[in-house]
Structure formats: structure tokens, C-alpha cells
Amino acid sequence: AEQIGAGNFDHRIAIATGDELEHLARRFNGMAGELALSQERSERIARLKRFLSPQIAELVEDSNEALLDSHRTEVVVLFCDLRGFTRFAGAARPEDVMGLLQQYYEALGVIITRYGATLTCFMGDGLMLLLNAPVPCSDPALRGVRMALDMQAAVQILILSWRNRGYAVGFGI
């Protein structure tokens, strides 16, 4: 128990008494093996997270397919941002800036999830999304156009409410 508690999950207990102590030792050894596998998985995911988003790292780890193997495929890339955001952020109160960004990210997050896009980068108000990489999907170009239209419609509703508050912000994709 001390060995396993210290993280030595390869340690095994060898008891051949033919009674409940031997059964307990077998169960203990099985538990140590499971802990070793869990530790290896956590370490692999931690390495993947250095290069990939946490969701993609988990997906790659859980997948039996080689998602990161080199291959050719059609990939759709979408960039979007709020137009006039820098000017707005420089003049508005911090809580107004954060409130606007929260509404923006919530609206787009629902759509990004619905279409199965991969968020590869976001900085302030700017987003970069991928369709068909690393997670494959059918008709990525059509899916990308539909996603862009849904994003545009959702943000236009927000823009109307923002204009009522005096915010001059637009949306580009």
C-alpha cells in the first residue's frame, strides 16, 4: 500500500495463501494496474494539451482513429470579429465591454457547438474556427456557409440591442 501510495503503480503484492488475503491482494494488484493506466492517459492528455485545445486533446486520446495522421481533406476556415470593437472597448466601462463579450461568446458558442466546429483561436473579439478538422464532418463547405449565416443572424439580434444602449459595434465573418 505504501508503494502504490507513493505512485509506484507497477508494484504487485504476491500472496498465495488461498484465502481472502490472496483475493484481496489480487484486487489490490488490479487496482494498481488501473491506476497505472489512468496515470499514463493523464500524462498523454497533458502532452497533447500543450499543442491542442483541451477538447481536441481529449478527443484524440479517446479516439481509436489516428486523427492527427497526415492526410488531405477539405477544411473550411472561418474568421469572425466585432467591427469597431477596439474603439468601443477604449471608450466603454470595463463591465460593459465584458458584458458585450459574454453575450457575443454565448450566442456564437451555441452555434459553434451545433455545427461541430473546432474553435482554434480566440483573441478578444476575434475567433478562428475549423470545420472538417480535426473532427470530420459531411459537406464542410455547405456546413460552413450555414454556420456563417446562423452566426450573422444571431449577432445581428445582439447588435440591435447594443445599438439601443449606444454601442456602435458591427460584425464581420
N, C-alpha and C. Protein backbone atom coordinates (compact mmCIF):
# COMPACT_ATOMS: atom_id res chain seq x y z
N ALA A 1 0.83 -1.19 0.00
CA ALA A 1 0.00 0.00 0.00
C ALA A 1 0.87 1.25 0.00
N GLU A 2 1.98 1.23 0.75
CA GLU A 2 2.88 2.38 0.77
C GLU A 2 3.49 2.62 -0.60
N GLN A 3 3.87 1.56 -1.30
CA GLN A 3 4.46 1.68 -2.63
C GLN A 3 3.48 2.32 -3.61
N ILE A 4 2.27 1.84 -3.61
CA ILE A 4 1.24 2.37 -4.53
C ILE A 4 0.87 3.79 -4.11
N GLY A 5 0.79 4.05 -2.82
CA GLY A 5 0.51 5.39 -2.33
C GLY A 5 1.58 6.38 -2.76
N ALA A 6 2.80 5.89 -2.94
CA ALA A 6 3.91 6.74 -3.37
C ALA A 6 3.95 6.88 -4.88
N GLY A 7 3.01 6.26 -5.60
CA GLY A 7 2.95 6.40 -7.05
C GLY A 7 3.64 5.29 -7.82
N ASN A 8 4.10 4.26 -7.15
CA ASN A 8 4.72 3.11 -7.81
C ASN A 8 3.63 2.11 -8.17
N PHE A 9 2.93 2.40 -9.29
CA PHE A 9 1.78 1.58 -9.67
C PHE A 9 2.17 0.26 -10.32
N ASP A 10 3.46 0.05 -10.55
CA ASP A 10 3.92 -1.24 -11.09
C ASP A 10 4.16 -2.26 -9.97
N HIS A 11 4.15 -1.82 -8.75
CA HIS A 11 4.36 -2.73 -7.61
C HIS A 11 3.20 -3.71 -7.49
N ARG A 12 3.52 -4.98 -7.24
CA ARG A 12 2.49 -6.01 -7.06
C ARG A 12 2.69 -6.74 -5.74
N ILE A 13 1.59 -7.17 -5.18
CA ILE A 13 1.62 -7.93 -3.93
C ILE A 13 1.53 -9.41 -4.29
N ALA A 14 2.46 -10.21 -3.77
CA ALA A 14 2.48 -11.64 -4.07
C ALA A 14 2.13 -12.42 -2.79
N ILE A 15 0.88 -12.82 -2.73
CA ILE A 15 0.42 -13.65 -1.60
C ILE A 15 -0.31 -14.86 -2.18
N ALA A 16 0.12 -16.06 -1.78
CA ALA A 16 -0.50 -17.28 -2.27
C ALA A 16 -0.97 -18.11 -1.08
N THR A 17 -1.99 -17.60 -0.40
CA THR A 17 -2.50 -18.28 0.79
C THR A 17 -3.79 -19.04 0.52
N GLY A 18 -4.40 -18.79 -0.63
CA GLY A 18 -5.63 -19.48 -0.96
C GLY A 18 -6.84 -19.00 -0.17
N ASP A 19 -6.72 -17.89 0.51
CA ASP A 19 -7.86 -17.38 1.30
C ASP A 19 -8.20 -15.96 0.88
N GLU A 20 -8.95 -15.27 1.75
CA GLU A 20 -9.40 -13.92 1.42
C GLU A 20 -8.24 -12.93 1.30
N LEU A 21 -7.11 -13.18 1.94
CA LEU A 21 -5.96 -12.30 1.79
C LEU A 21 -5.39 -12.37 0.37
N GLU A 22 -5.34 -13.57 -0.21
CA GLU A 22 -4.90 -13.70 -1.60
C GLU A 22 -5.88 -12.99 -2.53
N HIS A 23 -7.17 -13.15 -2.27
CA HIS A 23 -8.19 -12.47 -3.08
C HIS A 23 -8.04 -10.95 -2.96
N LEU A 24 -7.81 -10.47 -1.76
CA LEU A 24 -7.60 -9.04 -1.54
C LEU A 24 -6.35 -8.56 -2.28
N ALA A 25 -5.29 -9.33 -2.25
CA ALA A 25 -4.05 -8.96 -2.95
C ALA A 25 -4.29 -8.88 -4.46
N ARG A 26 -5.04 -9.85 -5.02
CA ARG A 26 -5.36 -9.80 -6.45
C ARG A 26 -6.14 -8.54 -6.79
N ARG A 27 -7.13 -8.19 -5.96
CA ARG A 27 -7.93 -6.98 -6.19
C ARG A 27 -7.05 -5.72 -6.07
N PHE A 28 -6.16 -5.74 -5.11
CA PHE A 28 -5.25 -4.60 -4.91
C PHE A 28 -4.34 -4.45 -6.12
N ASN A 29 -3.82 -5.56 -6.63
CA ASN A 29 -2.96 -5.52 -7.82
C ASN A 29 -3.73 -5.02 -9.05
N GLY A 30 -4.99 -5.44 -9.15
CA GLY A 30 -5.83 -4.95 -10.26
C GLY A 30 -6.05 -3.45 -10.17
N MET A 31 -6.28 -2.97 -8.96
CA MET A 31 -6.46 -1.54 -8.75
C MET A 31 -5.19 -0.78 -9.13
N ALA A 32 -4.04 -1.31 -8.76
CA ALA A 32 -2.77 -0.66 -9.10
C ALA A 32 -2.58 -0.60 -10.62
N GLY A 33 -2.97 -1.65 -11.31
CA GLY A 33 -2.88 -1.65 -12.78
C GLY A 33 -3.77 -0.59 -13.39
N GLU A 34 -4.99 -0.46 -12.87
CA GLU A 34 -5.91 0.56 -13.38
C GLU A 34 -5.37 1.96 -13.09
N LEU A 35 -4.78 2.16 -11.93
CA LEU A 35 -4.18 3.46 -11.60
C LEU A 35 -3.02 3.78 -12.55
N ALA A 36 -2.24 2.77 -12.91
CA ALA A 36 -1.14 2.99 -13.84
C ALA A 36 -1.66 3.42 -15.21
N LEU A 37 -2.72 2.75 -15.69
CA LEU A 37 -3.32 3.14 -16.97
C LEU A 37 -3.89 4.55 -16.93
N SER A 38 -4.54 4.89 -15.84
CA SER A 38 -5.12 6.22 -15.68
C SER A 38 -4.03 7.29 -15.67
N GLN A 39 -2.93 6.99 -14.99
CA GLN A 39 -1.82 7.95 -14.94
C GLN A 39 -1.21 8.13 -16.33
N GLU A 40 -1.03 7.06 -17.08
CA GLU A 40 -0.48 7.15 -18.44
C GLU A 40 -1.40 7.99 -19.33
N ARG A 41 -2.70 7.76 -19.23
CA ARG A 41 -3.66 8.53 -20.03
C ARG A 41 -3.60 10.01 -19.68
N SER A 42 -3.55 10.32 -18.39
CA SER A 42 -3.46 11.73 -17.97
C SER A 42 -2.20 12.39 -18.49
N GLU A 43 -1.10 11.67 -18.48
CA GLU A 43 0.16 12.22 -18.99
C GLU A 43 0.09 12.44 -20.50
N ARG A 44 -0.54 11.50 -21.24
CA ARG A 44 -0.68 11.68 -22.70
C ARG A 44 -1.55 12.89 -23.01
N ILE A 45 -2.65 13.03 -22.28
CA ILE A 45 -3.54 14.17 -22.50
C ILE A 45 -2.82 15.47 -22.16
N ALA A 46 -2.05 15.48 -21.09
CA ALA A 46 -1.31 16.70 -20.73
C ALA A 46 -0.33 17.08 -21.84
N ARG A 47 0.32 16.09 -22.45
CA ARG A 47 1.24 16.38 -23.57
C ARG A 47 0.47 16.93 -24.76
N LEU A 48 -0.68 16.33 -25.08
CA LEU A 48 -1.49 16.80 -26.19
C LEU A 48 -2.00 18.23 -25.96
N LYS A 49 -2.32 18.56 -24.72
CA LYS A 49 -2.86 19.88 -24.40
C LYS A 49 -1.83 20.98 -24.59
N ARG A 50 -0.56 20.61 -24.70
CA ARG A 50 0.45 21.63 -25.00
C ARG A 50 0.30 22.14 -26.42
N PHE A 51 -0.31 21.34 -27.30
CA PHE A 51 -0.43 21.69 -28.71
C PHE A 51 -1.86 21.84 -29.18
N LEU A 52 -2.81 21.30 -28.44
CA LEU A 52 -4.22 21.28 -28.86
C LEU A 52 -5.11 21.84 -27.75
N SER A 53 -6.30 22.26 -28.14
CA SER A 53 -7.26 22.69 -27.13
C SER A 53 -7.61 21.47 -26.27
N PRO A 54 -8.06 21.71 -25.02
CA PRO A 54 -8.38 20.58 -24.15
C PRO A 54 -9.41 19.61 -24.74
N GLN A 55 -10.44 20.15 -25.43
CA GLN A 55 -11.47 19.29 -26.01
C GLN A 55 -10.88 18.38 -27.09
N ILE A 56 -10.03 18.94 -27.93
CA ILE A 56 -9.42 18.17 -29.01
C ILE A 56 -8.44 17.16 -28.44
N ALA A 57 -7.69 17.54 -27.41
CA ALA A 57 -6.76 16.60 -26.78
C ALA A 57 -7.52 15.39 -26.24
N GLU A 58 -8.66 15.63 -25.58
CA GLU A 58 -9.47 14.52 -25.07
C GLU A 58 -10.01 13.67 -26.22
N LEU A 59 -10.45 14.32 -27.29
CA LEU A 59 -10.98 13.60 -28.45
C LEU A 59 -9.91 12.71 -29.07
N VAL A 60 -8.73 13.25 -29.23
CA VAL A 60 -7.63 12.47 -29.82
C VAL A 60 -7.29 11.30 -28.93
N GLU A 61 -7.24 11.52 -27.63
CA GLU A 61 -6.91 10.45 -26.69
C GLU A 61 -7.97 9.36 -26.70
N ASP A 62 -9.24 9.75 -26.78
CA ASP A 62 -10.34 8.78 -26.74
C ASP A 62 -10.55 8.07 -28.07
N SER A 63 -10.02 8.61 -29.14
CA SER A 63 -10.28 8.09 -30.47
C SER A 63 -9.37 6.90 -30.80
N ASN A 64 -9.95 5.90 -31.44
CA ASN A 64 -9.16 4.79 -31.95
C ASN A 64 -8.56 5.14 -33.30
N GLU A 65 -9.12 6.18 -33.93
CA GLU A 65 -8.62 6.62 -35.23
C GLU A 65 -7.42 7.52 -35.02
N ALA A 66 -6.59 7.59 -36.02
CA ALA A 66 -5.40 8.45 -35.96
C ALA A 66 -5.78 9.82 -36.52
N LEU A 67 -6.44 10.63 -35.72
CA LEU A 67 -6.92 11.93 -36.20
C LEU A 67 -5.78 12.86 -36.60
N LEU A 68 -4.62 12.66 -36.01
CA LEU A 68 -3.52 13.57 -36.30
C LEU A 68 -2.59 13.06 -37.39
N ASP A 69 -2.88 11.87 -37.95
CA ASP A 69 -2.05 11.38 -39.05
C ASP A 69 -2.17 12.31 -40.24
N SER A 70 -1.11 12.43 -40.98
CA SER A 70 -1.11 13.29 -42.16
C SER A 70 -2.07 12.75 -43.21
N HIS A 71 -2.91 13.65 -43.72
CA HIS A 71 -3.85 13.28 -44.78
C HIS A 71 -4.38 14.55 -45.43
N ARG A 72 -4.94 14.39 -46.63
CA ARG A 72 -5.54 15.53 -47.34
C ARG A 72 -7.04 15.49 -47.12
N THR A 73 -7.60 16.68 -46.88
CA THR A 73 -9.04 16.80 -46.74
C THR A 73 -9.44 18.25 -46.96
N GLU A 74 -10.67 18.47 -47.30
CA GLU A 74 -11.19 19.82 -47.43
C GLU A 74 -11.45 20.36 -46.03
N VAL A 75 -10.86 21.51 -45.73
CA VAL A 75 -11.04 22.14 -44.44
C VAL A 75 -11.60 23.54 -44.67
N VAL A 76 -12.64 23.86 -43.93
CA VAL A 76 -13.26 25.18 -44.01
C VAL A 76 -12.78 25.98 -42.80
N VAL A 77 -12.29 27.19 -43.06
CA VAL A 77 -11.80 28.07 -42.00
C VAL A 77 -12.67 29.32 -42.00
N LEU A 78 -13.18 29.67 -40.83
CA LEU A 78 -13.97 30.89 -40.68
C LEU A 78 -13.29 31.80 -39.67
N PHE A 79 -13.21 33.07 -40.02
CA PHE A 79 -12.71 34.10 -39.12
C PHE A 79 -13.86 35.06 -38.88
N CYS A 80 -14.07 35.48 -37.66
CA CYS A 80 -15.08 36.49 -37.40
C CYS A 80 -14.62 37.40 -36.28
N ASP A 81 -15.15 38.61 -36.30
CA ASP A 81 -14.85 39.57 -35.25
C ASP A 81 -15.91 40.65 -35.21
N LEU A 82 -15.85 41.42 -34.15
CA LEU A 82 -16.75 42.55 -34.00
C LEU A 82 -16.08 43.78 -34.59
N ARG A 83 -16.74 44.43 -35.51
CA ARG A 83 -16.21 45.63 -36.14
C ARG A 83 -16.44 46.82 -35.22
N GLY A 84 -15.40 47.63 -35.03
CA GLY A 84 -15.49 48.79 -34.15
C GLY A 84 -15.32 48.43 -32.68
N PHE A 85 -14.94 47.18 -32.41
CA PHE A 85 -14.82 46.75 -31.02
C PHE A 85 -13.70 47.47 -30.28
N THR A 86 -12.56 47.68 -30.93
CA THR A 86 -11.43 48.34 -30.26
C THR A 86 -11.82 49.75 -29.83
N ARG A 87 -12.45 50.49 -30.72
CA ARG A 87 -12.90 51.84 -30.38
C ARG A 87 -13.91 51.78 -29.23
N PHE A 88 -14.86 50.85 -29.32
CA PHE A 88 -15.87 50.68 -28.26
C PHE A 88 -15.19 50.36 -26.93
N ALA A 89 -14.27 49.39 -26.93
CA ALA A 89 -13.61 48.94 -25.70
C ALA A 89 -12.78 50.06 -25.07
N GLY A 90 -12.24 50.95 -25.90
CA GLY A 90 -11.44 52.05 -25.37
C GLY A 90 -12.28 53.12 -24.70
N ALA A 91 -13.55 53.21 -25.06
CA ALA A 91 -14.41 54.27 -24.53
C ALA A 91 -15.40 53.76 -23.48
N ALA A 92 -15.70 52.47 -23.47
CA ALA A 92 -16.75 51.93 -22.59
C ALA A 92 -16.18 51.54 -21.23
N ARG A 93 -17.09 51.38 -20.28
CA ARG A 93 -16.71 50.88 -18.96
C ARG A 93 -16.33 49.40 -19.08
N PRO A 94 -15.38 48.94 -18.27
CA PRO A 94 -14.95 47.52 -18.36
C PRO A 94 -16.11 46.54 -18.23
N GLU A 95 -17.07 46.80 -17.35
CA GLU A 95 -18.18 45.86 -17.19
C GLU A 95 -19.08 45.84 -18.43
N ASP A 96 -19.14 46.97 -19.17
CA ASP A 96 -19.92 46.98 -20.41
C ASP A 96 -19.20 46.17 -21.49
N VAL A 97 -17.88 46.31 -21.53
CA VAL A 97 -17.09 45.53 -22.50
C VAL A 97 -17.24 44.04 -22.22
N MET A 98 -17.09 43.65 -20.96
CA MET A 98 -17.18 42.24 -20.61
C MET A 98 -18.60 41.71 -20.82
N GLY A 99 -19.60 42.51 -20.55
CA GLY A 99 -20.99 42.08 -20.77
C GLY A 99 -21.26 41.85 -22.24
N LEU A 100 -20.77 42.75 -23.09
CA LEU A 100 -20.95 42.59 -24.53
C LEU A 100 -20.24 41.32 -25.02
N LEU A 101 -19.00 41.12 -24.58
CA LEU A 101 -18.27 39.91 -24.99
C LEU A 101 -18.96 38.64 -24.50
N GLN A 102 -19.51 38.67 -23.31
CA GLN A 102 -20.20 37.49 -22.79
C GLN A 102 -21.41 37.15 -23.67
N GLN A 103 -22.19 38.15 -24.02
CA GLN A 103 -23.35 37.91 -24.89
C GLN A 103 -22.89 37.37 -26.24
N TYR A 104 -21.85 37.95 -26.79
CA TYR A 104 -21.30 37.57 -28.10
C TYR A 104 -20.83 36.11 -28.07
N TYR A 105 -20.02 35.78 -27.06
CA TYR A 105 -19.50 34.41 -26.98
C TYR A 105 -20.60 33.40 -26.71
N GLU A 106 -21.57 33.75 -25.89
CA GLU A 106 -22.67 32.81 -25.63
C GLU A 106 -23.46 32.54 -26.90
N ALA A 107 -23.77 33.58 -27.65
CA ALA A 107 -24.54 33.41 -28.89
C ALA A 107 -23.76 32.56 -29.90
N LEU A 108 -22.48 32.87 -30.08
CA LEU A 108 -21.70 32.11 -31.06
C LEU A 108 -21.36 30.72 -30.56
N GLY A 109 -21.18 30.56 -29.26
CA GLY A 109 -20.84 29.24 -28.72
C GLY A 109 -21.90 28.20 -29.01
N VAL A 110 -23.15 28.58 -28.90
CA VAL A 110 -24.26 27.66 -29.19
C VAL A 110 -24.18 27.21 -30.66
N ILE A 111 -23.91 28.15 -31.54
CA ILE A 111 -23.87 27.84 -32.97
C ILE A 111 -22.64 27.01 -33.31
N ILE A 112 -21.51 27.36 -32.75
CA ILE A 112 -20.27 26.60 -32.99
C ILE A 112 -20.45 25.16 -32.56
N THR A 113 -21.07 24.95 -31.42
CA THR A 113 -21.33 23.59 -30.92
C THR A 113 -22.31 22.86 -31.83
N ARG A 114 -23.37 23.53 -32.24
CA ARG A 114 -24.39 22.90 -33.08
C ARG A 114 -23.78 22.38 -34.39
N TYR A 115 -22.85 23.12 -34.96
CA TYR A 115 -22.26 22.73 -36.23
C TYR A 115 -21.01 21.86 -36.08
N GLY A 116 -20.59 21.62 -34.87
CA GLY A 116 -19.43 20.76 -34.64
C GLY A 116 -18.13 21.38 -35.11
N ALA A 117 -18.04 22.70 -35.06
CA ALA A 117 -16.81 23.38 -35.48
C ALA A 117 -15.78 23.31 -34.36
N THR A 118 -14.53 23.48 -34.73
CA THR A 118 -13.44 23.50 -33.76
C THR A 118 -12.95 24.93 -33.61
N LEU A 119 -13.03 25.45 -32.41
CA LEU A 119 -12.50 26.78 -32.12
C LEU A 119 -11.01 26.64 -31.92
N THR A 120 -10.23 27.20 -32.86
CA THR A 120 -8.79 27.04 -32.77
C THR A 120 -8.11 28.23 -32.12
N CYS A 121 -8.77 29.38 -32.18
CA CYS A 121 -8.14 30.57 -31.63
C CYS A 121 -9.20 31.61 -31.33
N PHE A 122 -9.07 32.26 -30.22
CA PHE A 122 -9.88 33.46 -29.99
C PHE A 122 -9.02 34.47 -29.25
N MET A 123 -9.16 35.70 -29.68
CA MET A 123 -8.41 36.77 -29.07
C MET A 123 -9.32 37.99 -29.02
N GLY A 124 -9.70 38.37 -27.82
CA GLY A 124 -10.62 39.49 -27.68
C GLY A 124 -11.94 39.16 -28.33
N ASP A 125 -12.25 39.87 -29.41
CA ASP A 125 -13.50 39.65 -30.13
C ASP A 125 -13.33 38.78 -31.36
N GLY A 126 -12.11 38.38 -31.69
CA GLY A 126 -11.85 37.60 -32.89
C GLY A 126 -11.83 36.11 -32.63
N LEU A 127 -12.41 35.36 -33.58
CA LEU A 127 -12.45 33.89 -33.49
C LEU A 127 -11.95 33.28 -34.79
N MET A 128 -11.30 32.14 -34.68
CA MET A 128 -10.93 31.33 -35.84
C MET A 128 -11.51 29.94 -35.61
N LEU A 129 -12.29 29.47 -36.60
CA LEU A 129 -12.98 28.19 -36.49
C LEU A 129 -12.62 27.29 -37.66
N LEU A 130 -12.62 25.98 -37.41
CA LEU A 130 -12.39 24.99 -38.45
C LEU A 130 -13.58 24.04 -38.53
N LEU A 131 -13.91 23.65 -39.73
CA LEU A 131 -14.87 22.59 -39.96
C LEU A 131 -14.16 21.49 -40.77
N ASN A 132 -14.36 20.28 -40.37
CA ASN A 132 -13.80 19.08 -41.00
C ASN A 132 -12.35 18.85 -40.59
N ALA A 133 -11.91 19.49 -39.52
CA ALA A 133 -10.57 19.24 -39.00
C ALA A 133 -10.53 19.70 -37.54
N PRO A 134 -10.05 18.93 -36.65
CA PRO A 134 -9.63 17.55 -36.83
C PRO A 134 -10.80 16.57 -36.84
N VAL A 135 -11.98 17.05 -36.48
CA VAL A 135 -13.15 16.15 -36.46
C VAL A 135 -13.81 16.18 -37.83
N PRO A 136 -13.89 15.04 -38.52
CA PRO A 136 -14.51 15.01 -39.85
C PRO A 136 -16.01 15.29 -39.79
N CYS A 137 -16.51 15.92 -40.85
CA CYS A 137 -17.95 16.16 -40.97
C CYS A 137 -18.33 16.07 -42.45
N SER A 138 -19.60 15.89 -42.71
CA SER A 138 -20.06 15.82 -44.10
C SER A 138 -20.30 17.24 -44.62
N ASP A 139 -20.10 17.44 -45.90
CA ASP A 139 -20.35 18.72 -46.57
C ASP A 139 -19.81 19.92 -45.79
N PRO A 140 -18.50 19.97 -45.55
CA PRO A 140 -17.97 21.06 -44.73
C PRO A 140 -18.20 22.45 -45.31
N ALA A 141 -18.15 22.61 -46.63
CA ALA A 141 -18.36 23.93 -47.22
C ALA A 141 -19.80 24.41 -46.98
N LEU A 142 -20.75 23.54 -47.26
CA LEU A 142 -22.15 23.89 -47.03
C LEU A 142 -22.41 24.14 -45.54
N ARG A 143 -21.84 23.32 -44.71
CA ARG A 143 -21.99 23.48 -43.26
C ARG A 143 -21.39 24.82 -42.82
N GLY A 144 -20.25 25.18 -43.40
CA GLY A 144 -19.61 26.46 -43.06
C GLY A 144 -20.46 27.65 -43.46
N VAL A 145 -21.06 27.59 -44.64
CA VAL A 145 -21.93 28.69 -45.09
C VAL A 145 -23.15 28.80 -44.18
N ARG A 146 -23.75 27.67 -43.87
CA ARG A 146 -24.92 27.69 -42.99
C ARG A 146 -24.56 28.21 -41.60
N MET A 147 -23.41 27.78 -41.10
CA MET A 147 -22.97 28.25 -39.80
C MET A 147 -22.75 29.77 -39.83
N ALA A 148 -22.12 30.26 -40.89
CA ALA A 148 -21.87 31.70 -41.01
C ALA A 148 -23.17 32.48 -41.05
N LEU A 149 -24.15 31.97 -41.78
CA LEU A 149 -25.46 32.64 -41.84
C LEU A 149 -26.14 32.66 -40.47
N ASP A 150 -26.08 31.54 -39.76
CA ASP A 150 -26.67 31.49 -38.42
C ASP A 150 -25.94 32.43 -37.46
N MET A 151 -24.62 32.49 -37.59
CA MET A 151 -23.85 33.41 -36.74
C MET A 151 -24.23 34.85 -37.04
N GLN A 152 -24.33 35.17 -38.32
CA GLN A 152 -24.69 36.53 -38.72
C GLN A 152 -26.07 36.91 -38.17
N ALA A 153 -27.03 36.01 -38.28
CA ALA A 153 -28.38 36.29 -37.78
C ALA A 153 -28.38 36.48 -36.27
N ALA A 154 -27.67 35.63 -35.55
CA ALA A 154 -27.64 35.72 -34.08
C ALA A 154 -26.98 37.02 -33.63
N VAL A 155 -25.88 37.38 -34.26
CA VAL A 155 -25.17 38.58 -33.83
C VAL A 155 -25.94 39.84 -34.24
N GLN A 156 -26.67 39.78 -35.35
CA GLN A 156 -27.46 40.96 -35.74
C GLN A 156 -28.51 41.28 -34.68
N ILE A 157 -29.08 40.26 -34.08
CA ILE A 157 -30.04 40.49 -32.98
C ILE A 157 -29.35 41.19 -31.82
N LEU A 158 -28.13 40.73 -31.51
CA LEU A 158 -27.37 41.37 -30.44
C LEU A 158 -27.03 42.81 -30.79
N ILE A 159 -26.63 43.04 -32.04
CA ILE A 159 -26.23 44.38 -32.47
C ILE A 159 -27.39 45.37 -32.28
N LEU A 160 -28.61 44.94 -32.58
CA LEU A 160 -29.76 45.82 -32.37
C LEU A 160 -29.90 46.21 -30.90
N SER A 161 -29.74 45.25 -30.01
CA SER A 161 -29.84 45.58 -28.58
C SER A 161 -28.65 46.44 -28.14
N TRP A 162 -27.48 46.21 -28.71
CA TRP A 162 -26.32 47.03 -28.36
C TRP A 162 -26.50 48.47 -28.84
N ARG A 163 -27.07 48.63 -30.01
CA ARG A 163 -27.29 49.98 -30.54
C ARG A 163 -28.27 50.75 -29.66
N ASN A 164 -29.25 50.05 -29.11
CA ASN A 164 -30.19 50.70 -28.18
C ASN A 164 -29.49 51.24 -26.94
N ARG A 165 -28.34 50.67 -26.62
CA ARG A 165 -27.54 51.14 -25.48
C ARG A 165 -26.46 52.14 -25.91
N GLY A 166 -26.44 52.46 -27.21
CA GLY A 166 -25.46 53.42 -27.71
C GLY A 166 -24.14 52.83 -28.16
N TYR A 167 -24.06 51.51 -28.29
CA TYR A 167 -22.82 50.85 -28.74
C TYR A 167 -22.81 50.78 -30.25
N ALA A 168 -21.76 51.29 -30.86
CA ALA A 168 -21.64 51.24 -32.33
C ALA A 168 -20.67 50.11 -32.70
N VAL A 169 -21.18 48.89 -32.71
CA VAL A 169 -20.37 47.70 -33.00
C VAL A 169 -21.05 46.92 -34.10
N GLY A 170 -20.25 46.41 -35.05
CA GLY A 170 -20.76 45.57 -36.13
C GLY A 170 -20.16 44.19 -36.06
N PHE A 171 -20.41 43.39 -37.09
CA PHE A 171 -19.92 42.00 -37.10
C PHE A 171 -19.43 41.66 -38.50
N GLY A 172 -18.29 41.03 -38.55
CA GLY A 172 -17.76 40.56 -39.84
C GLY A 172 -17.36 39.10 -39.74
N ILE A 173 -17.55 38.40 -40.85
CA ILE A 173 -17.20 36.97 -40.88
C ILE A 173 -16.65 36.63 -42.25
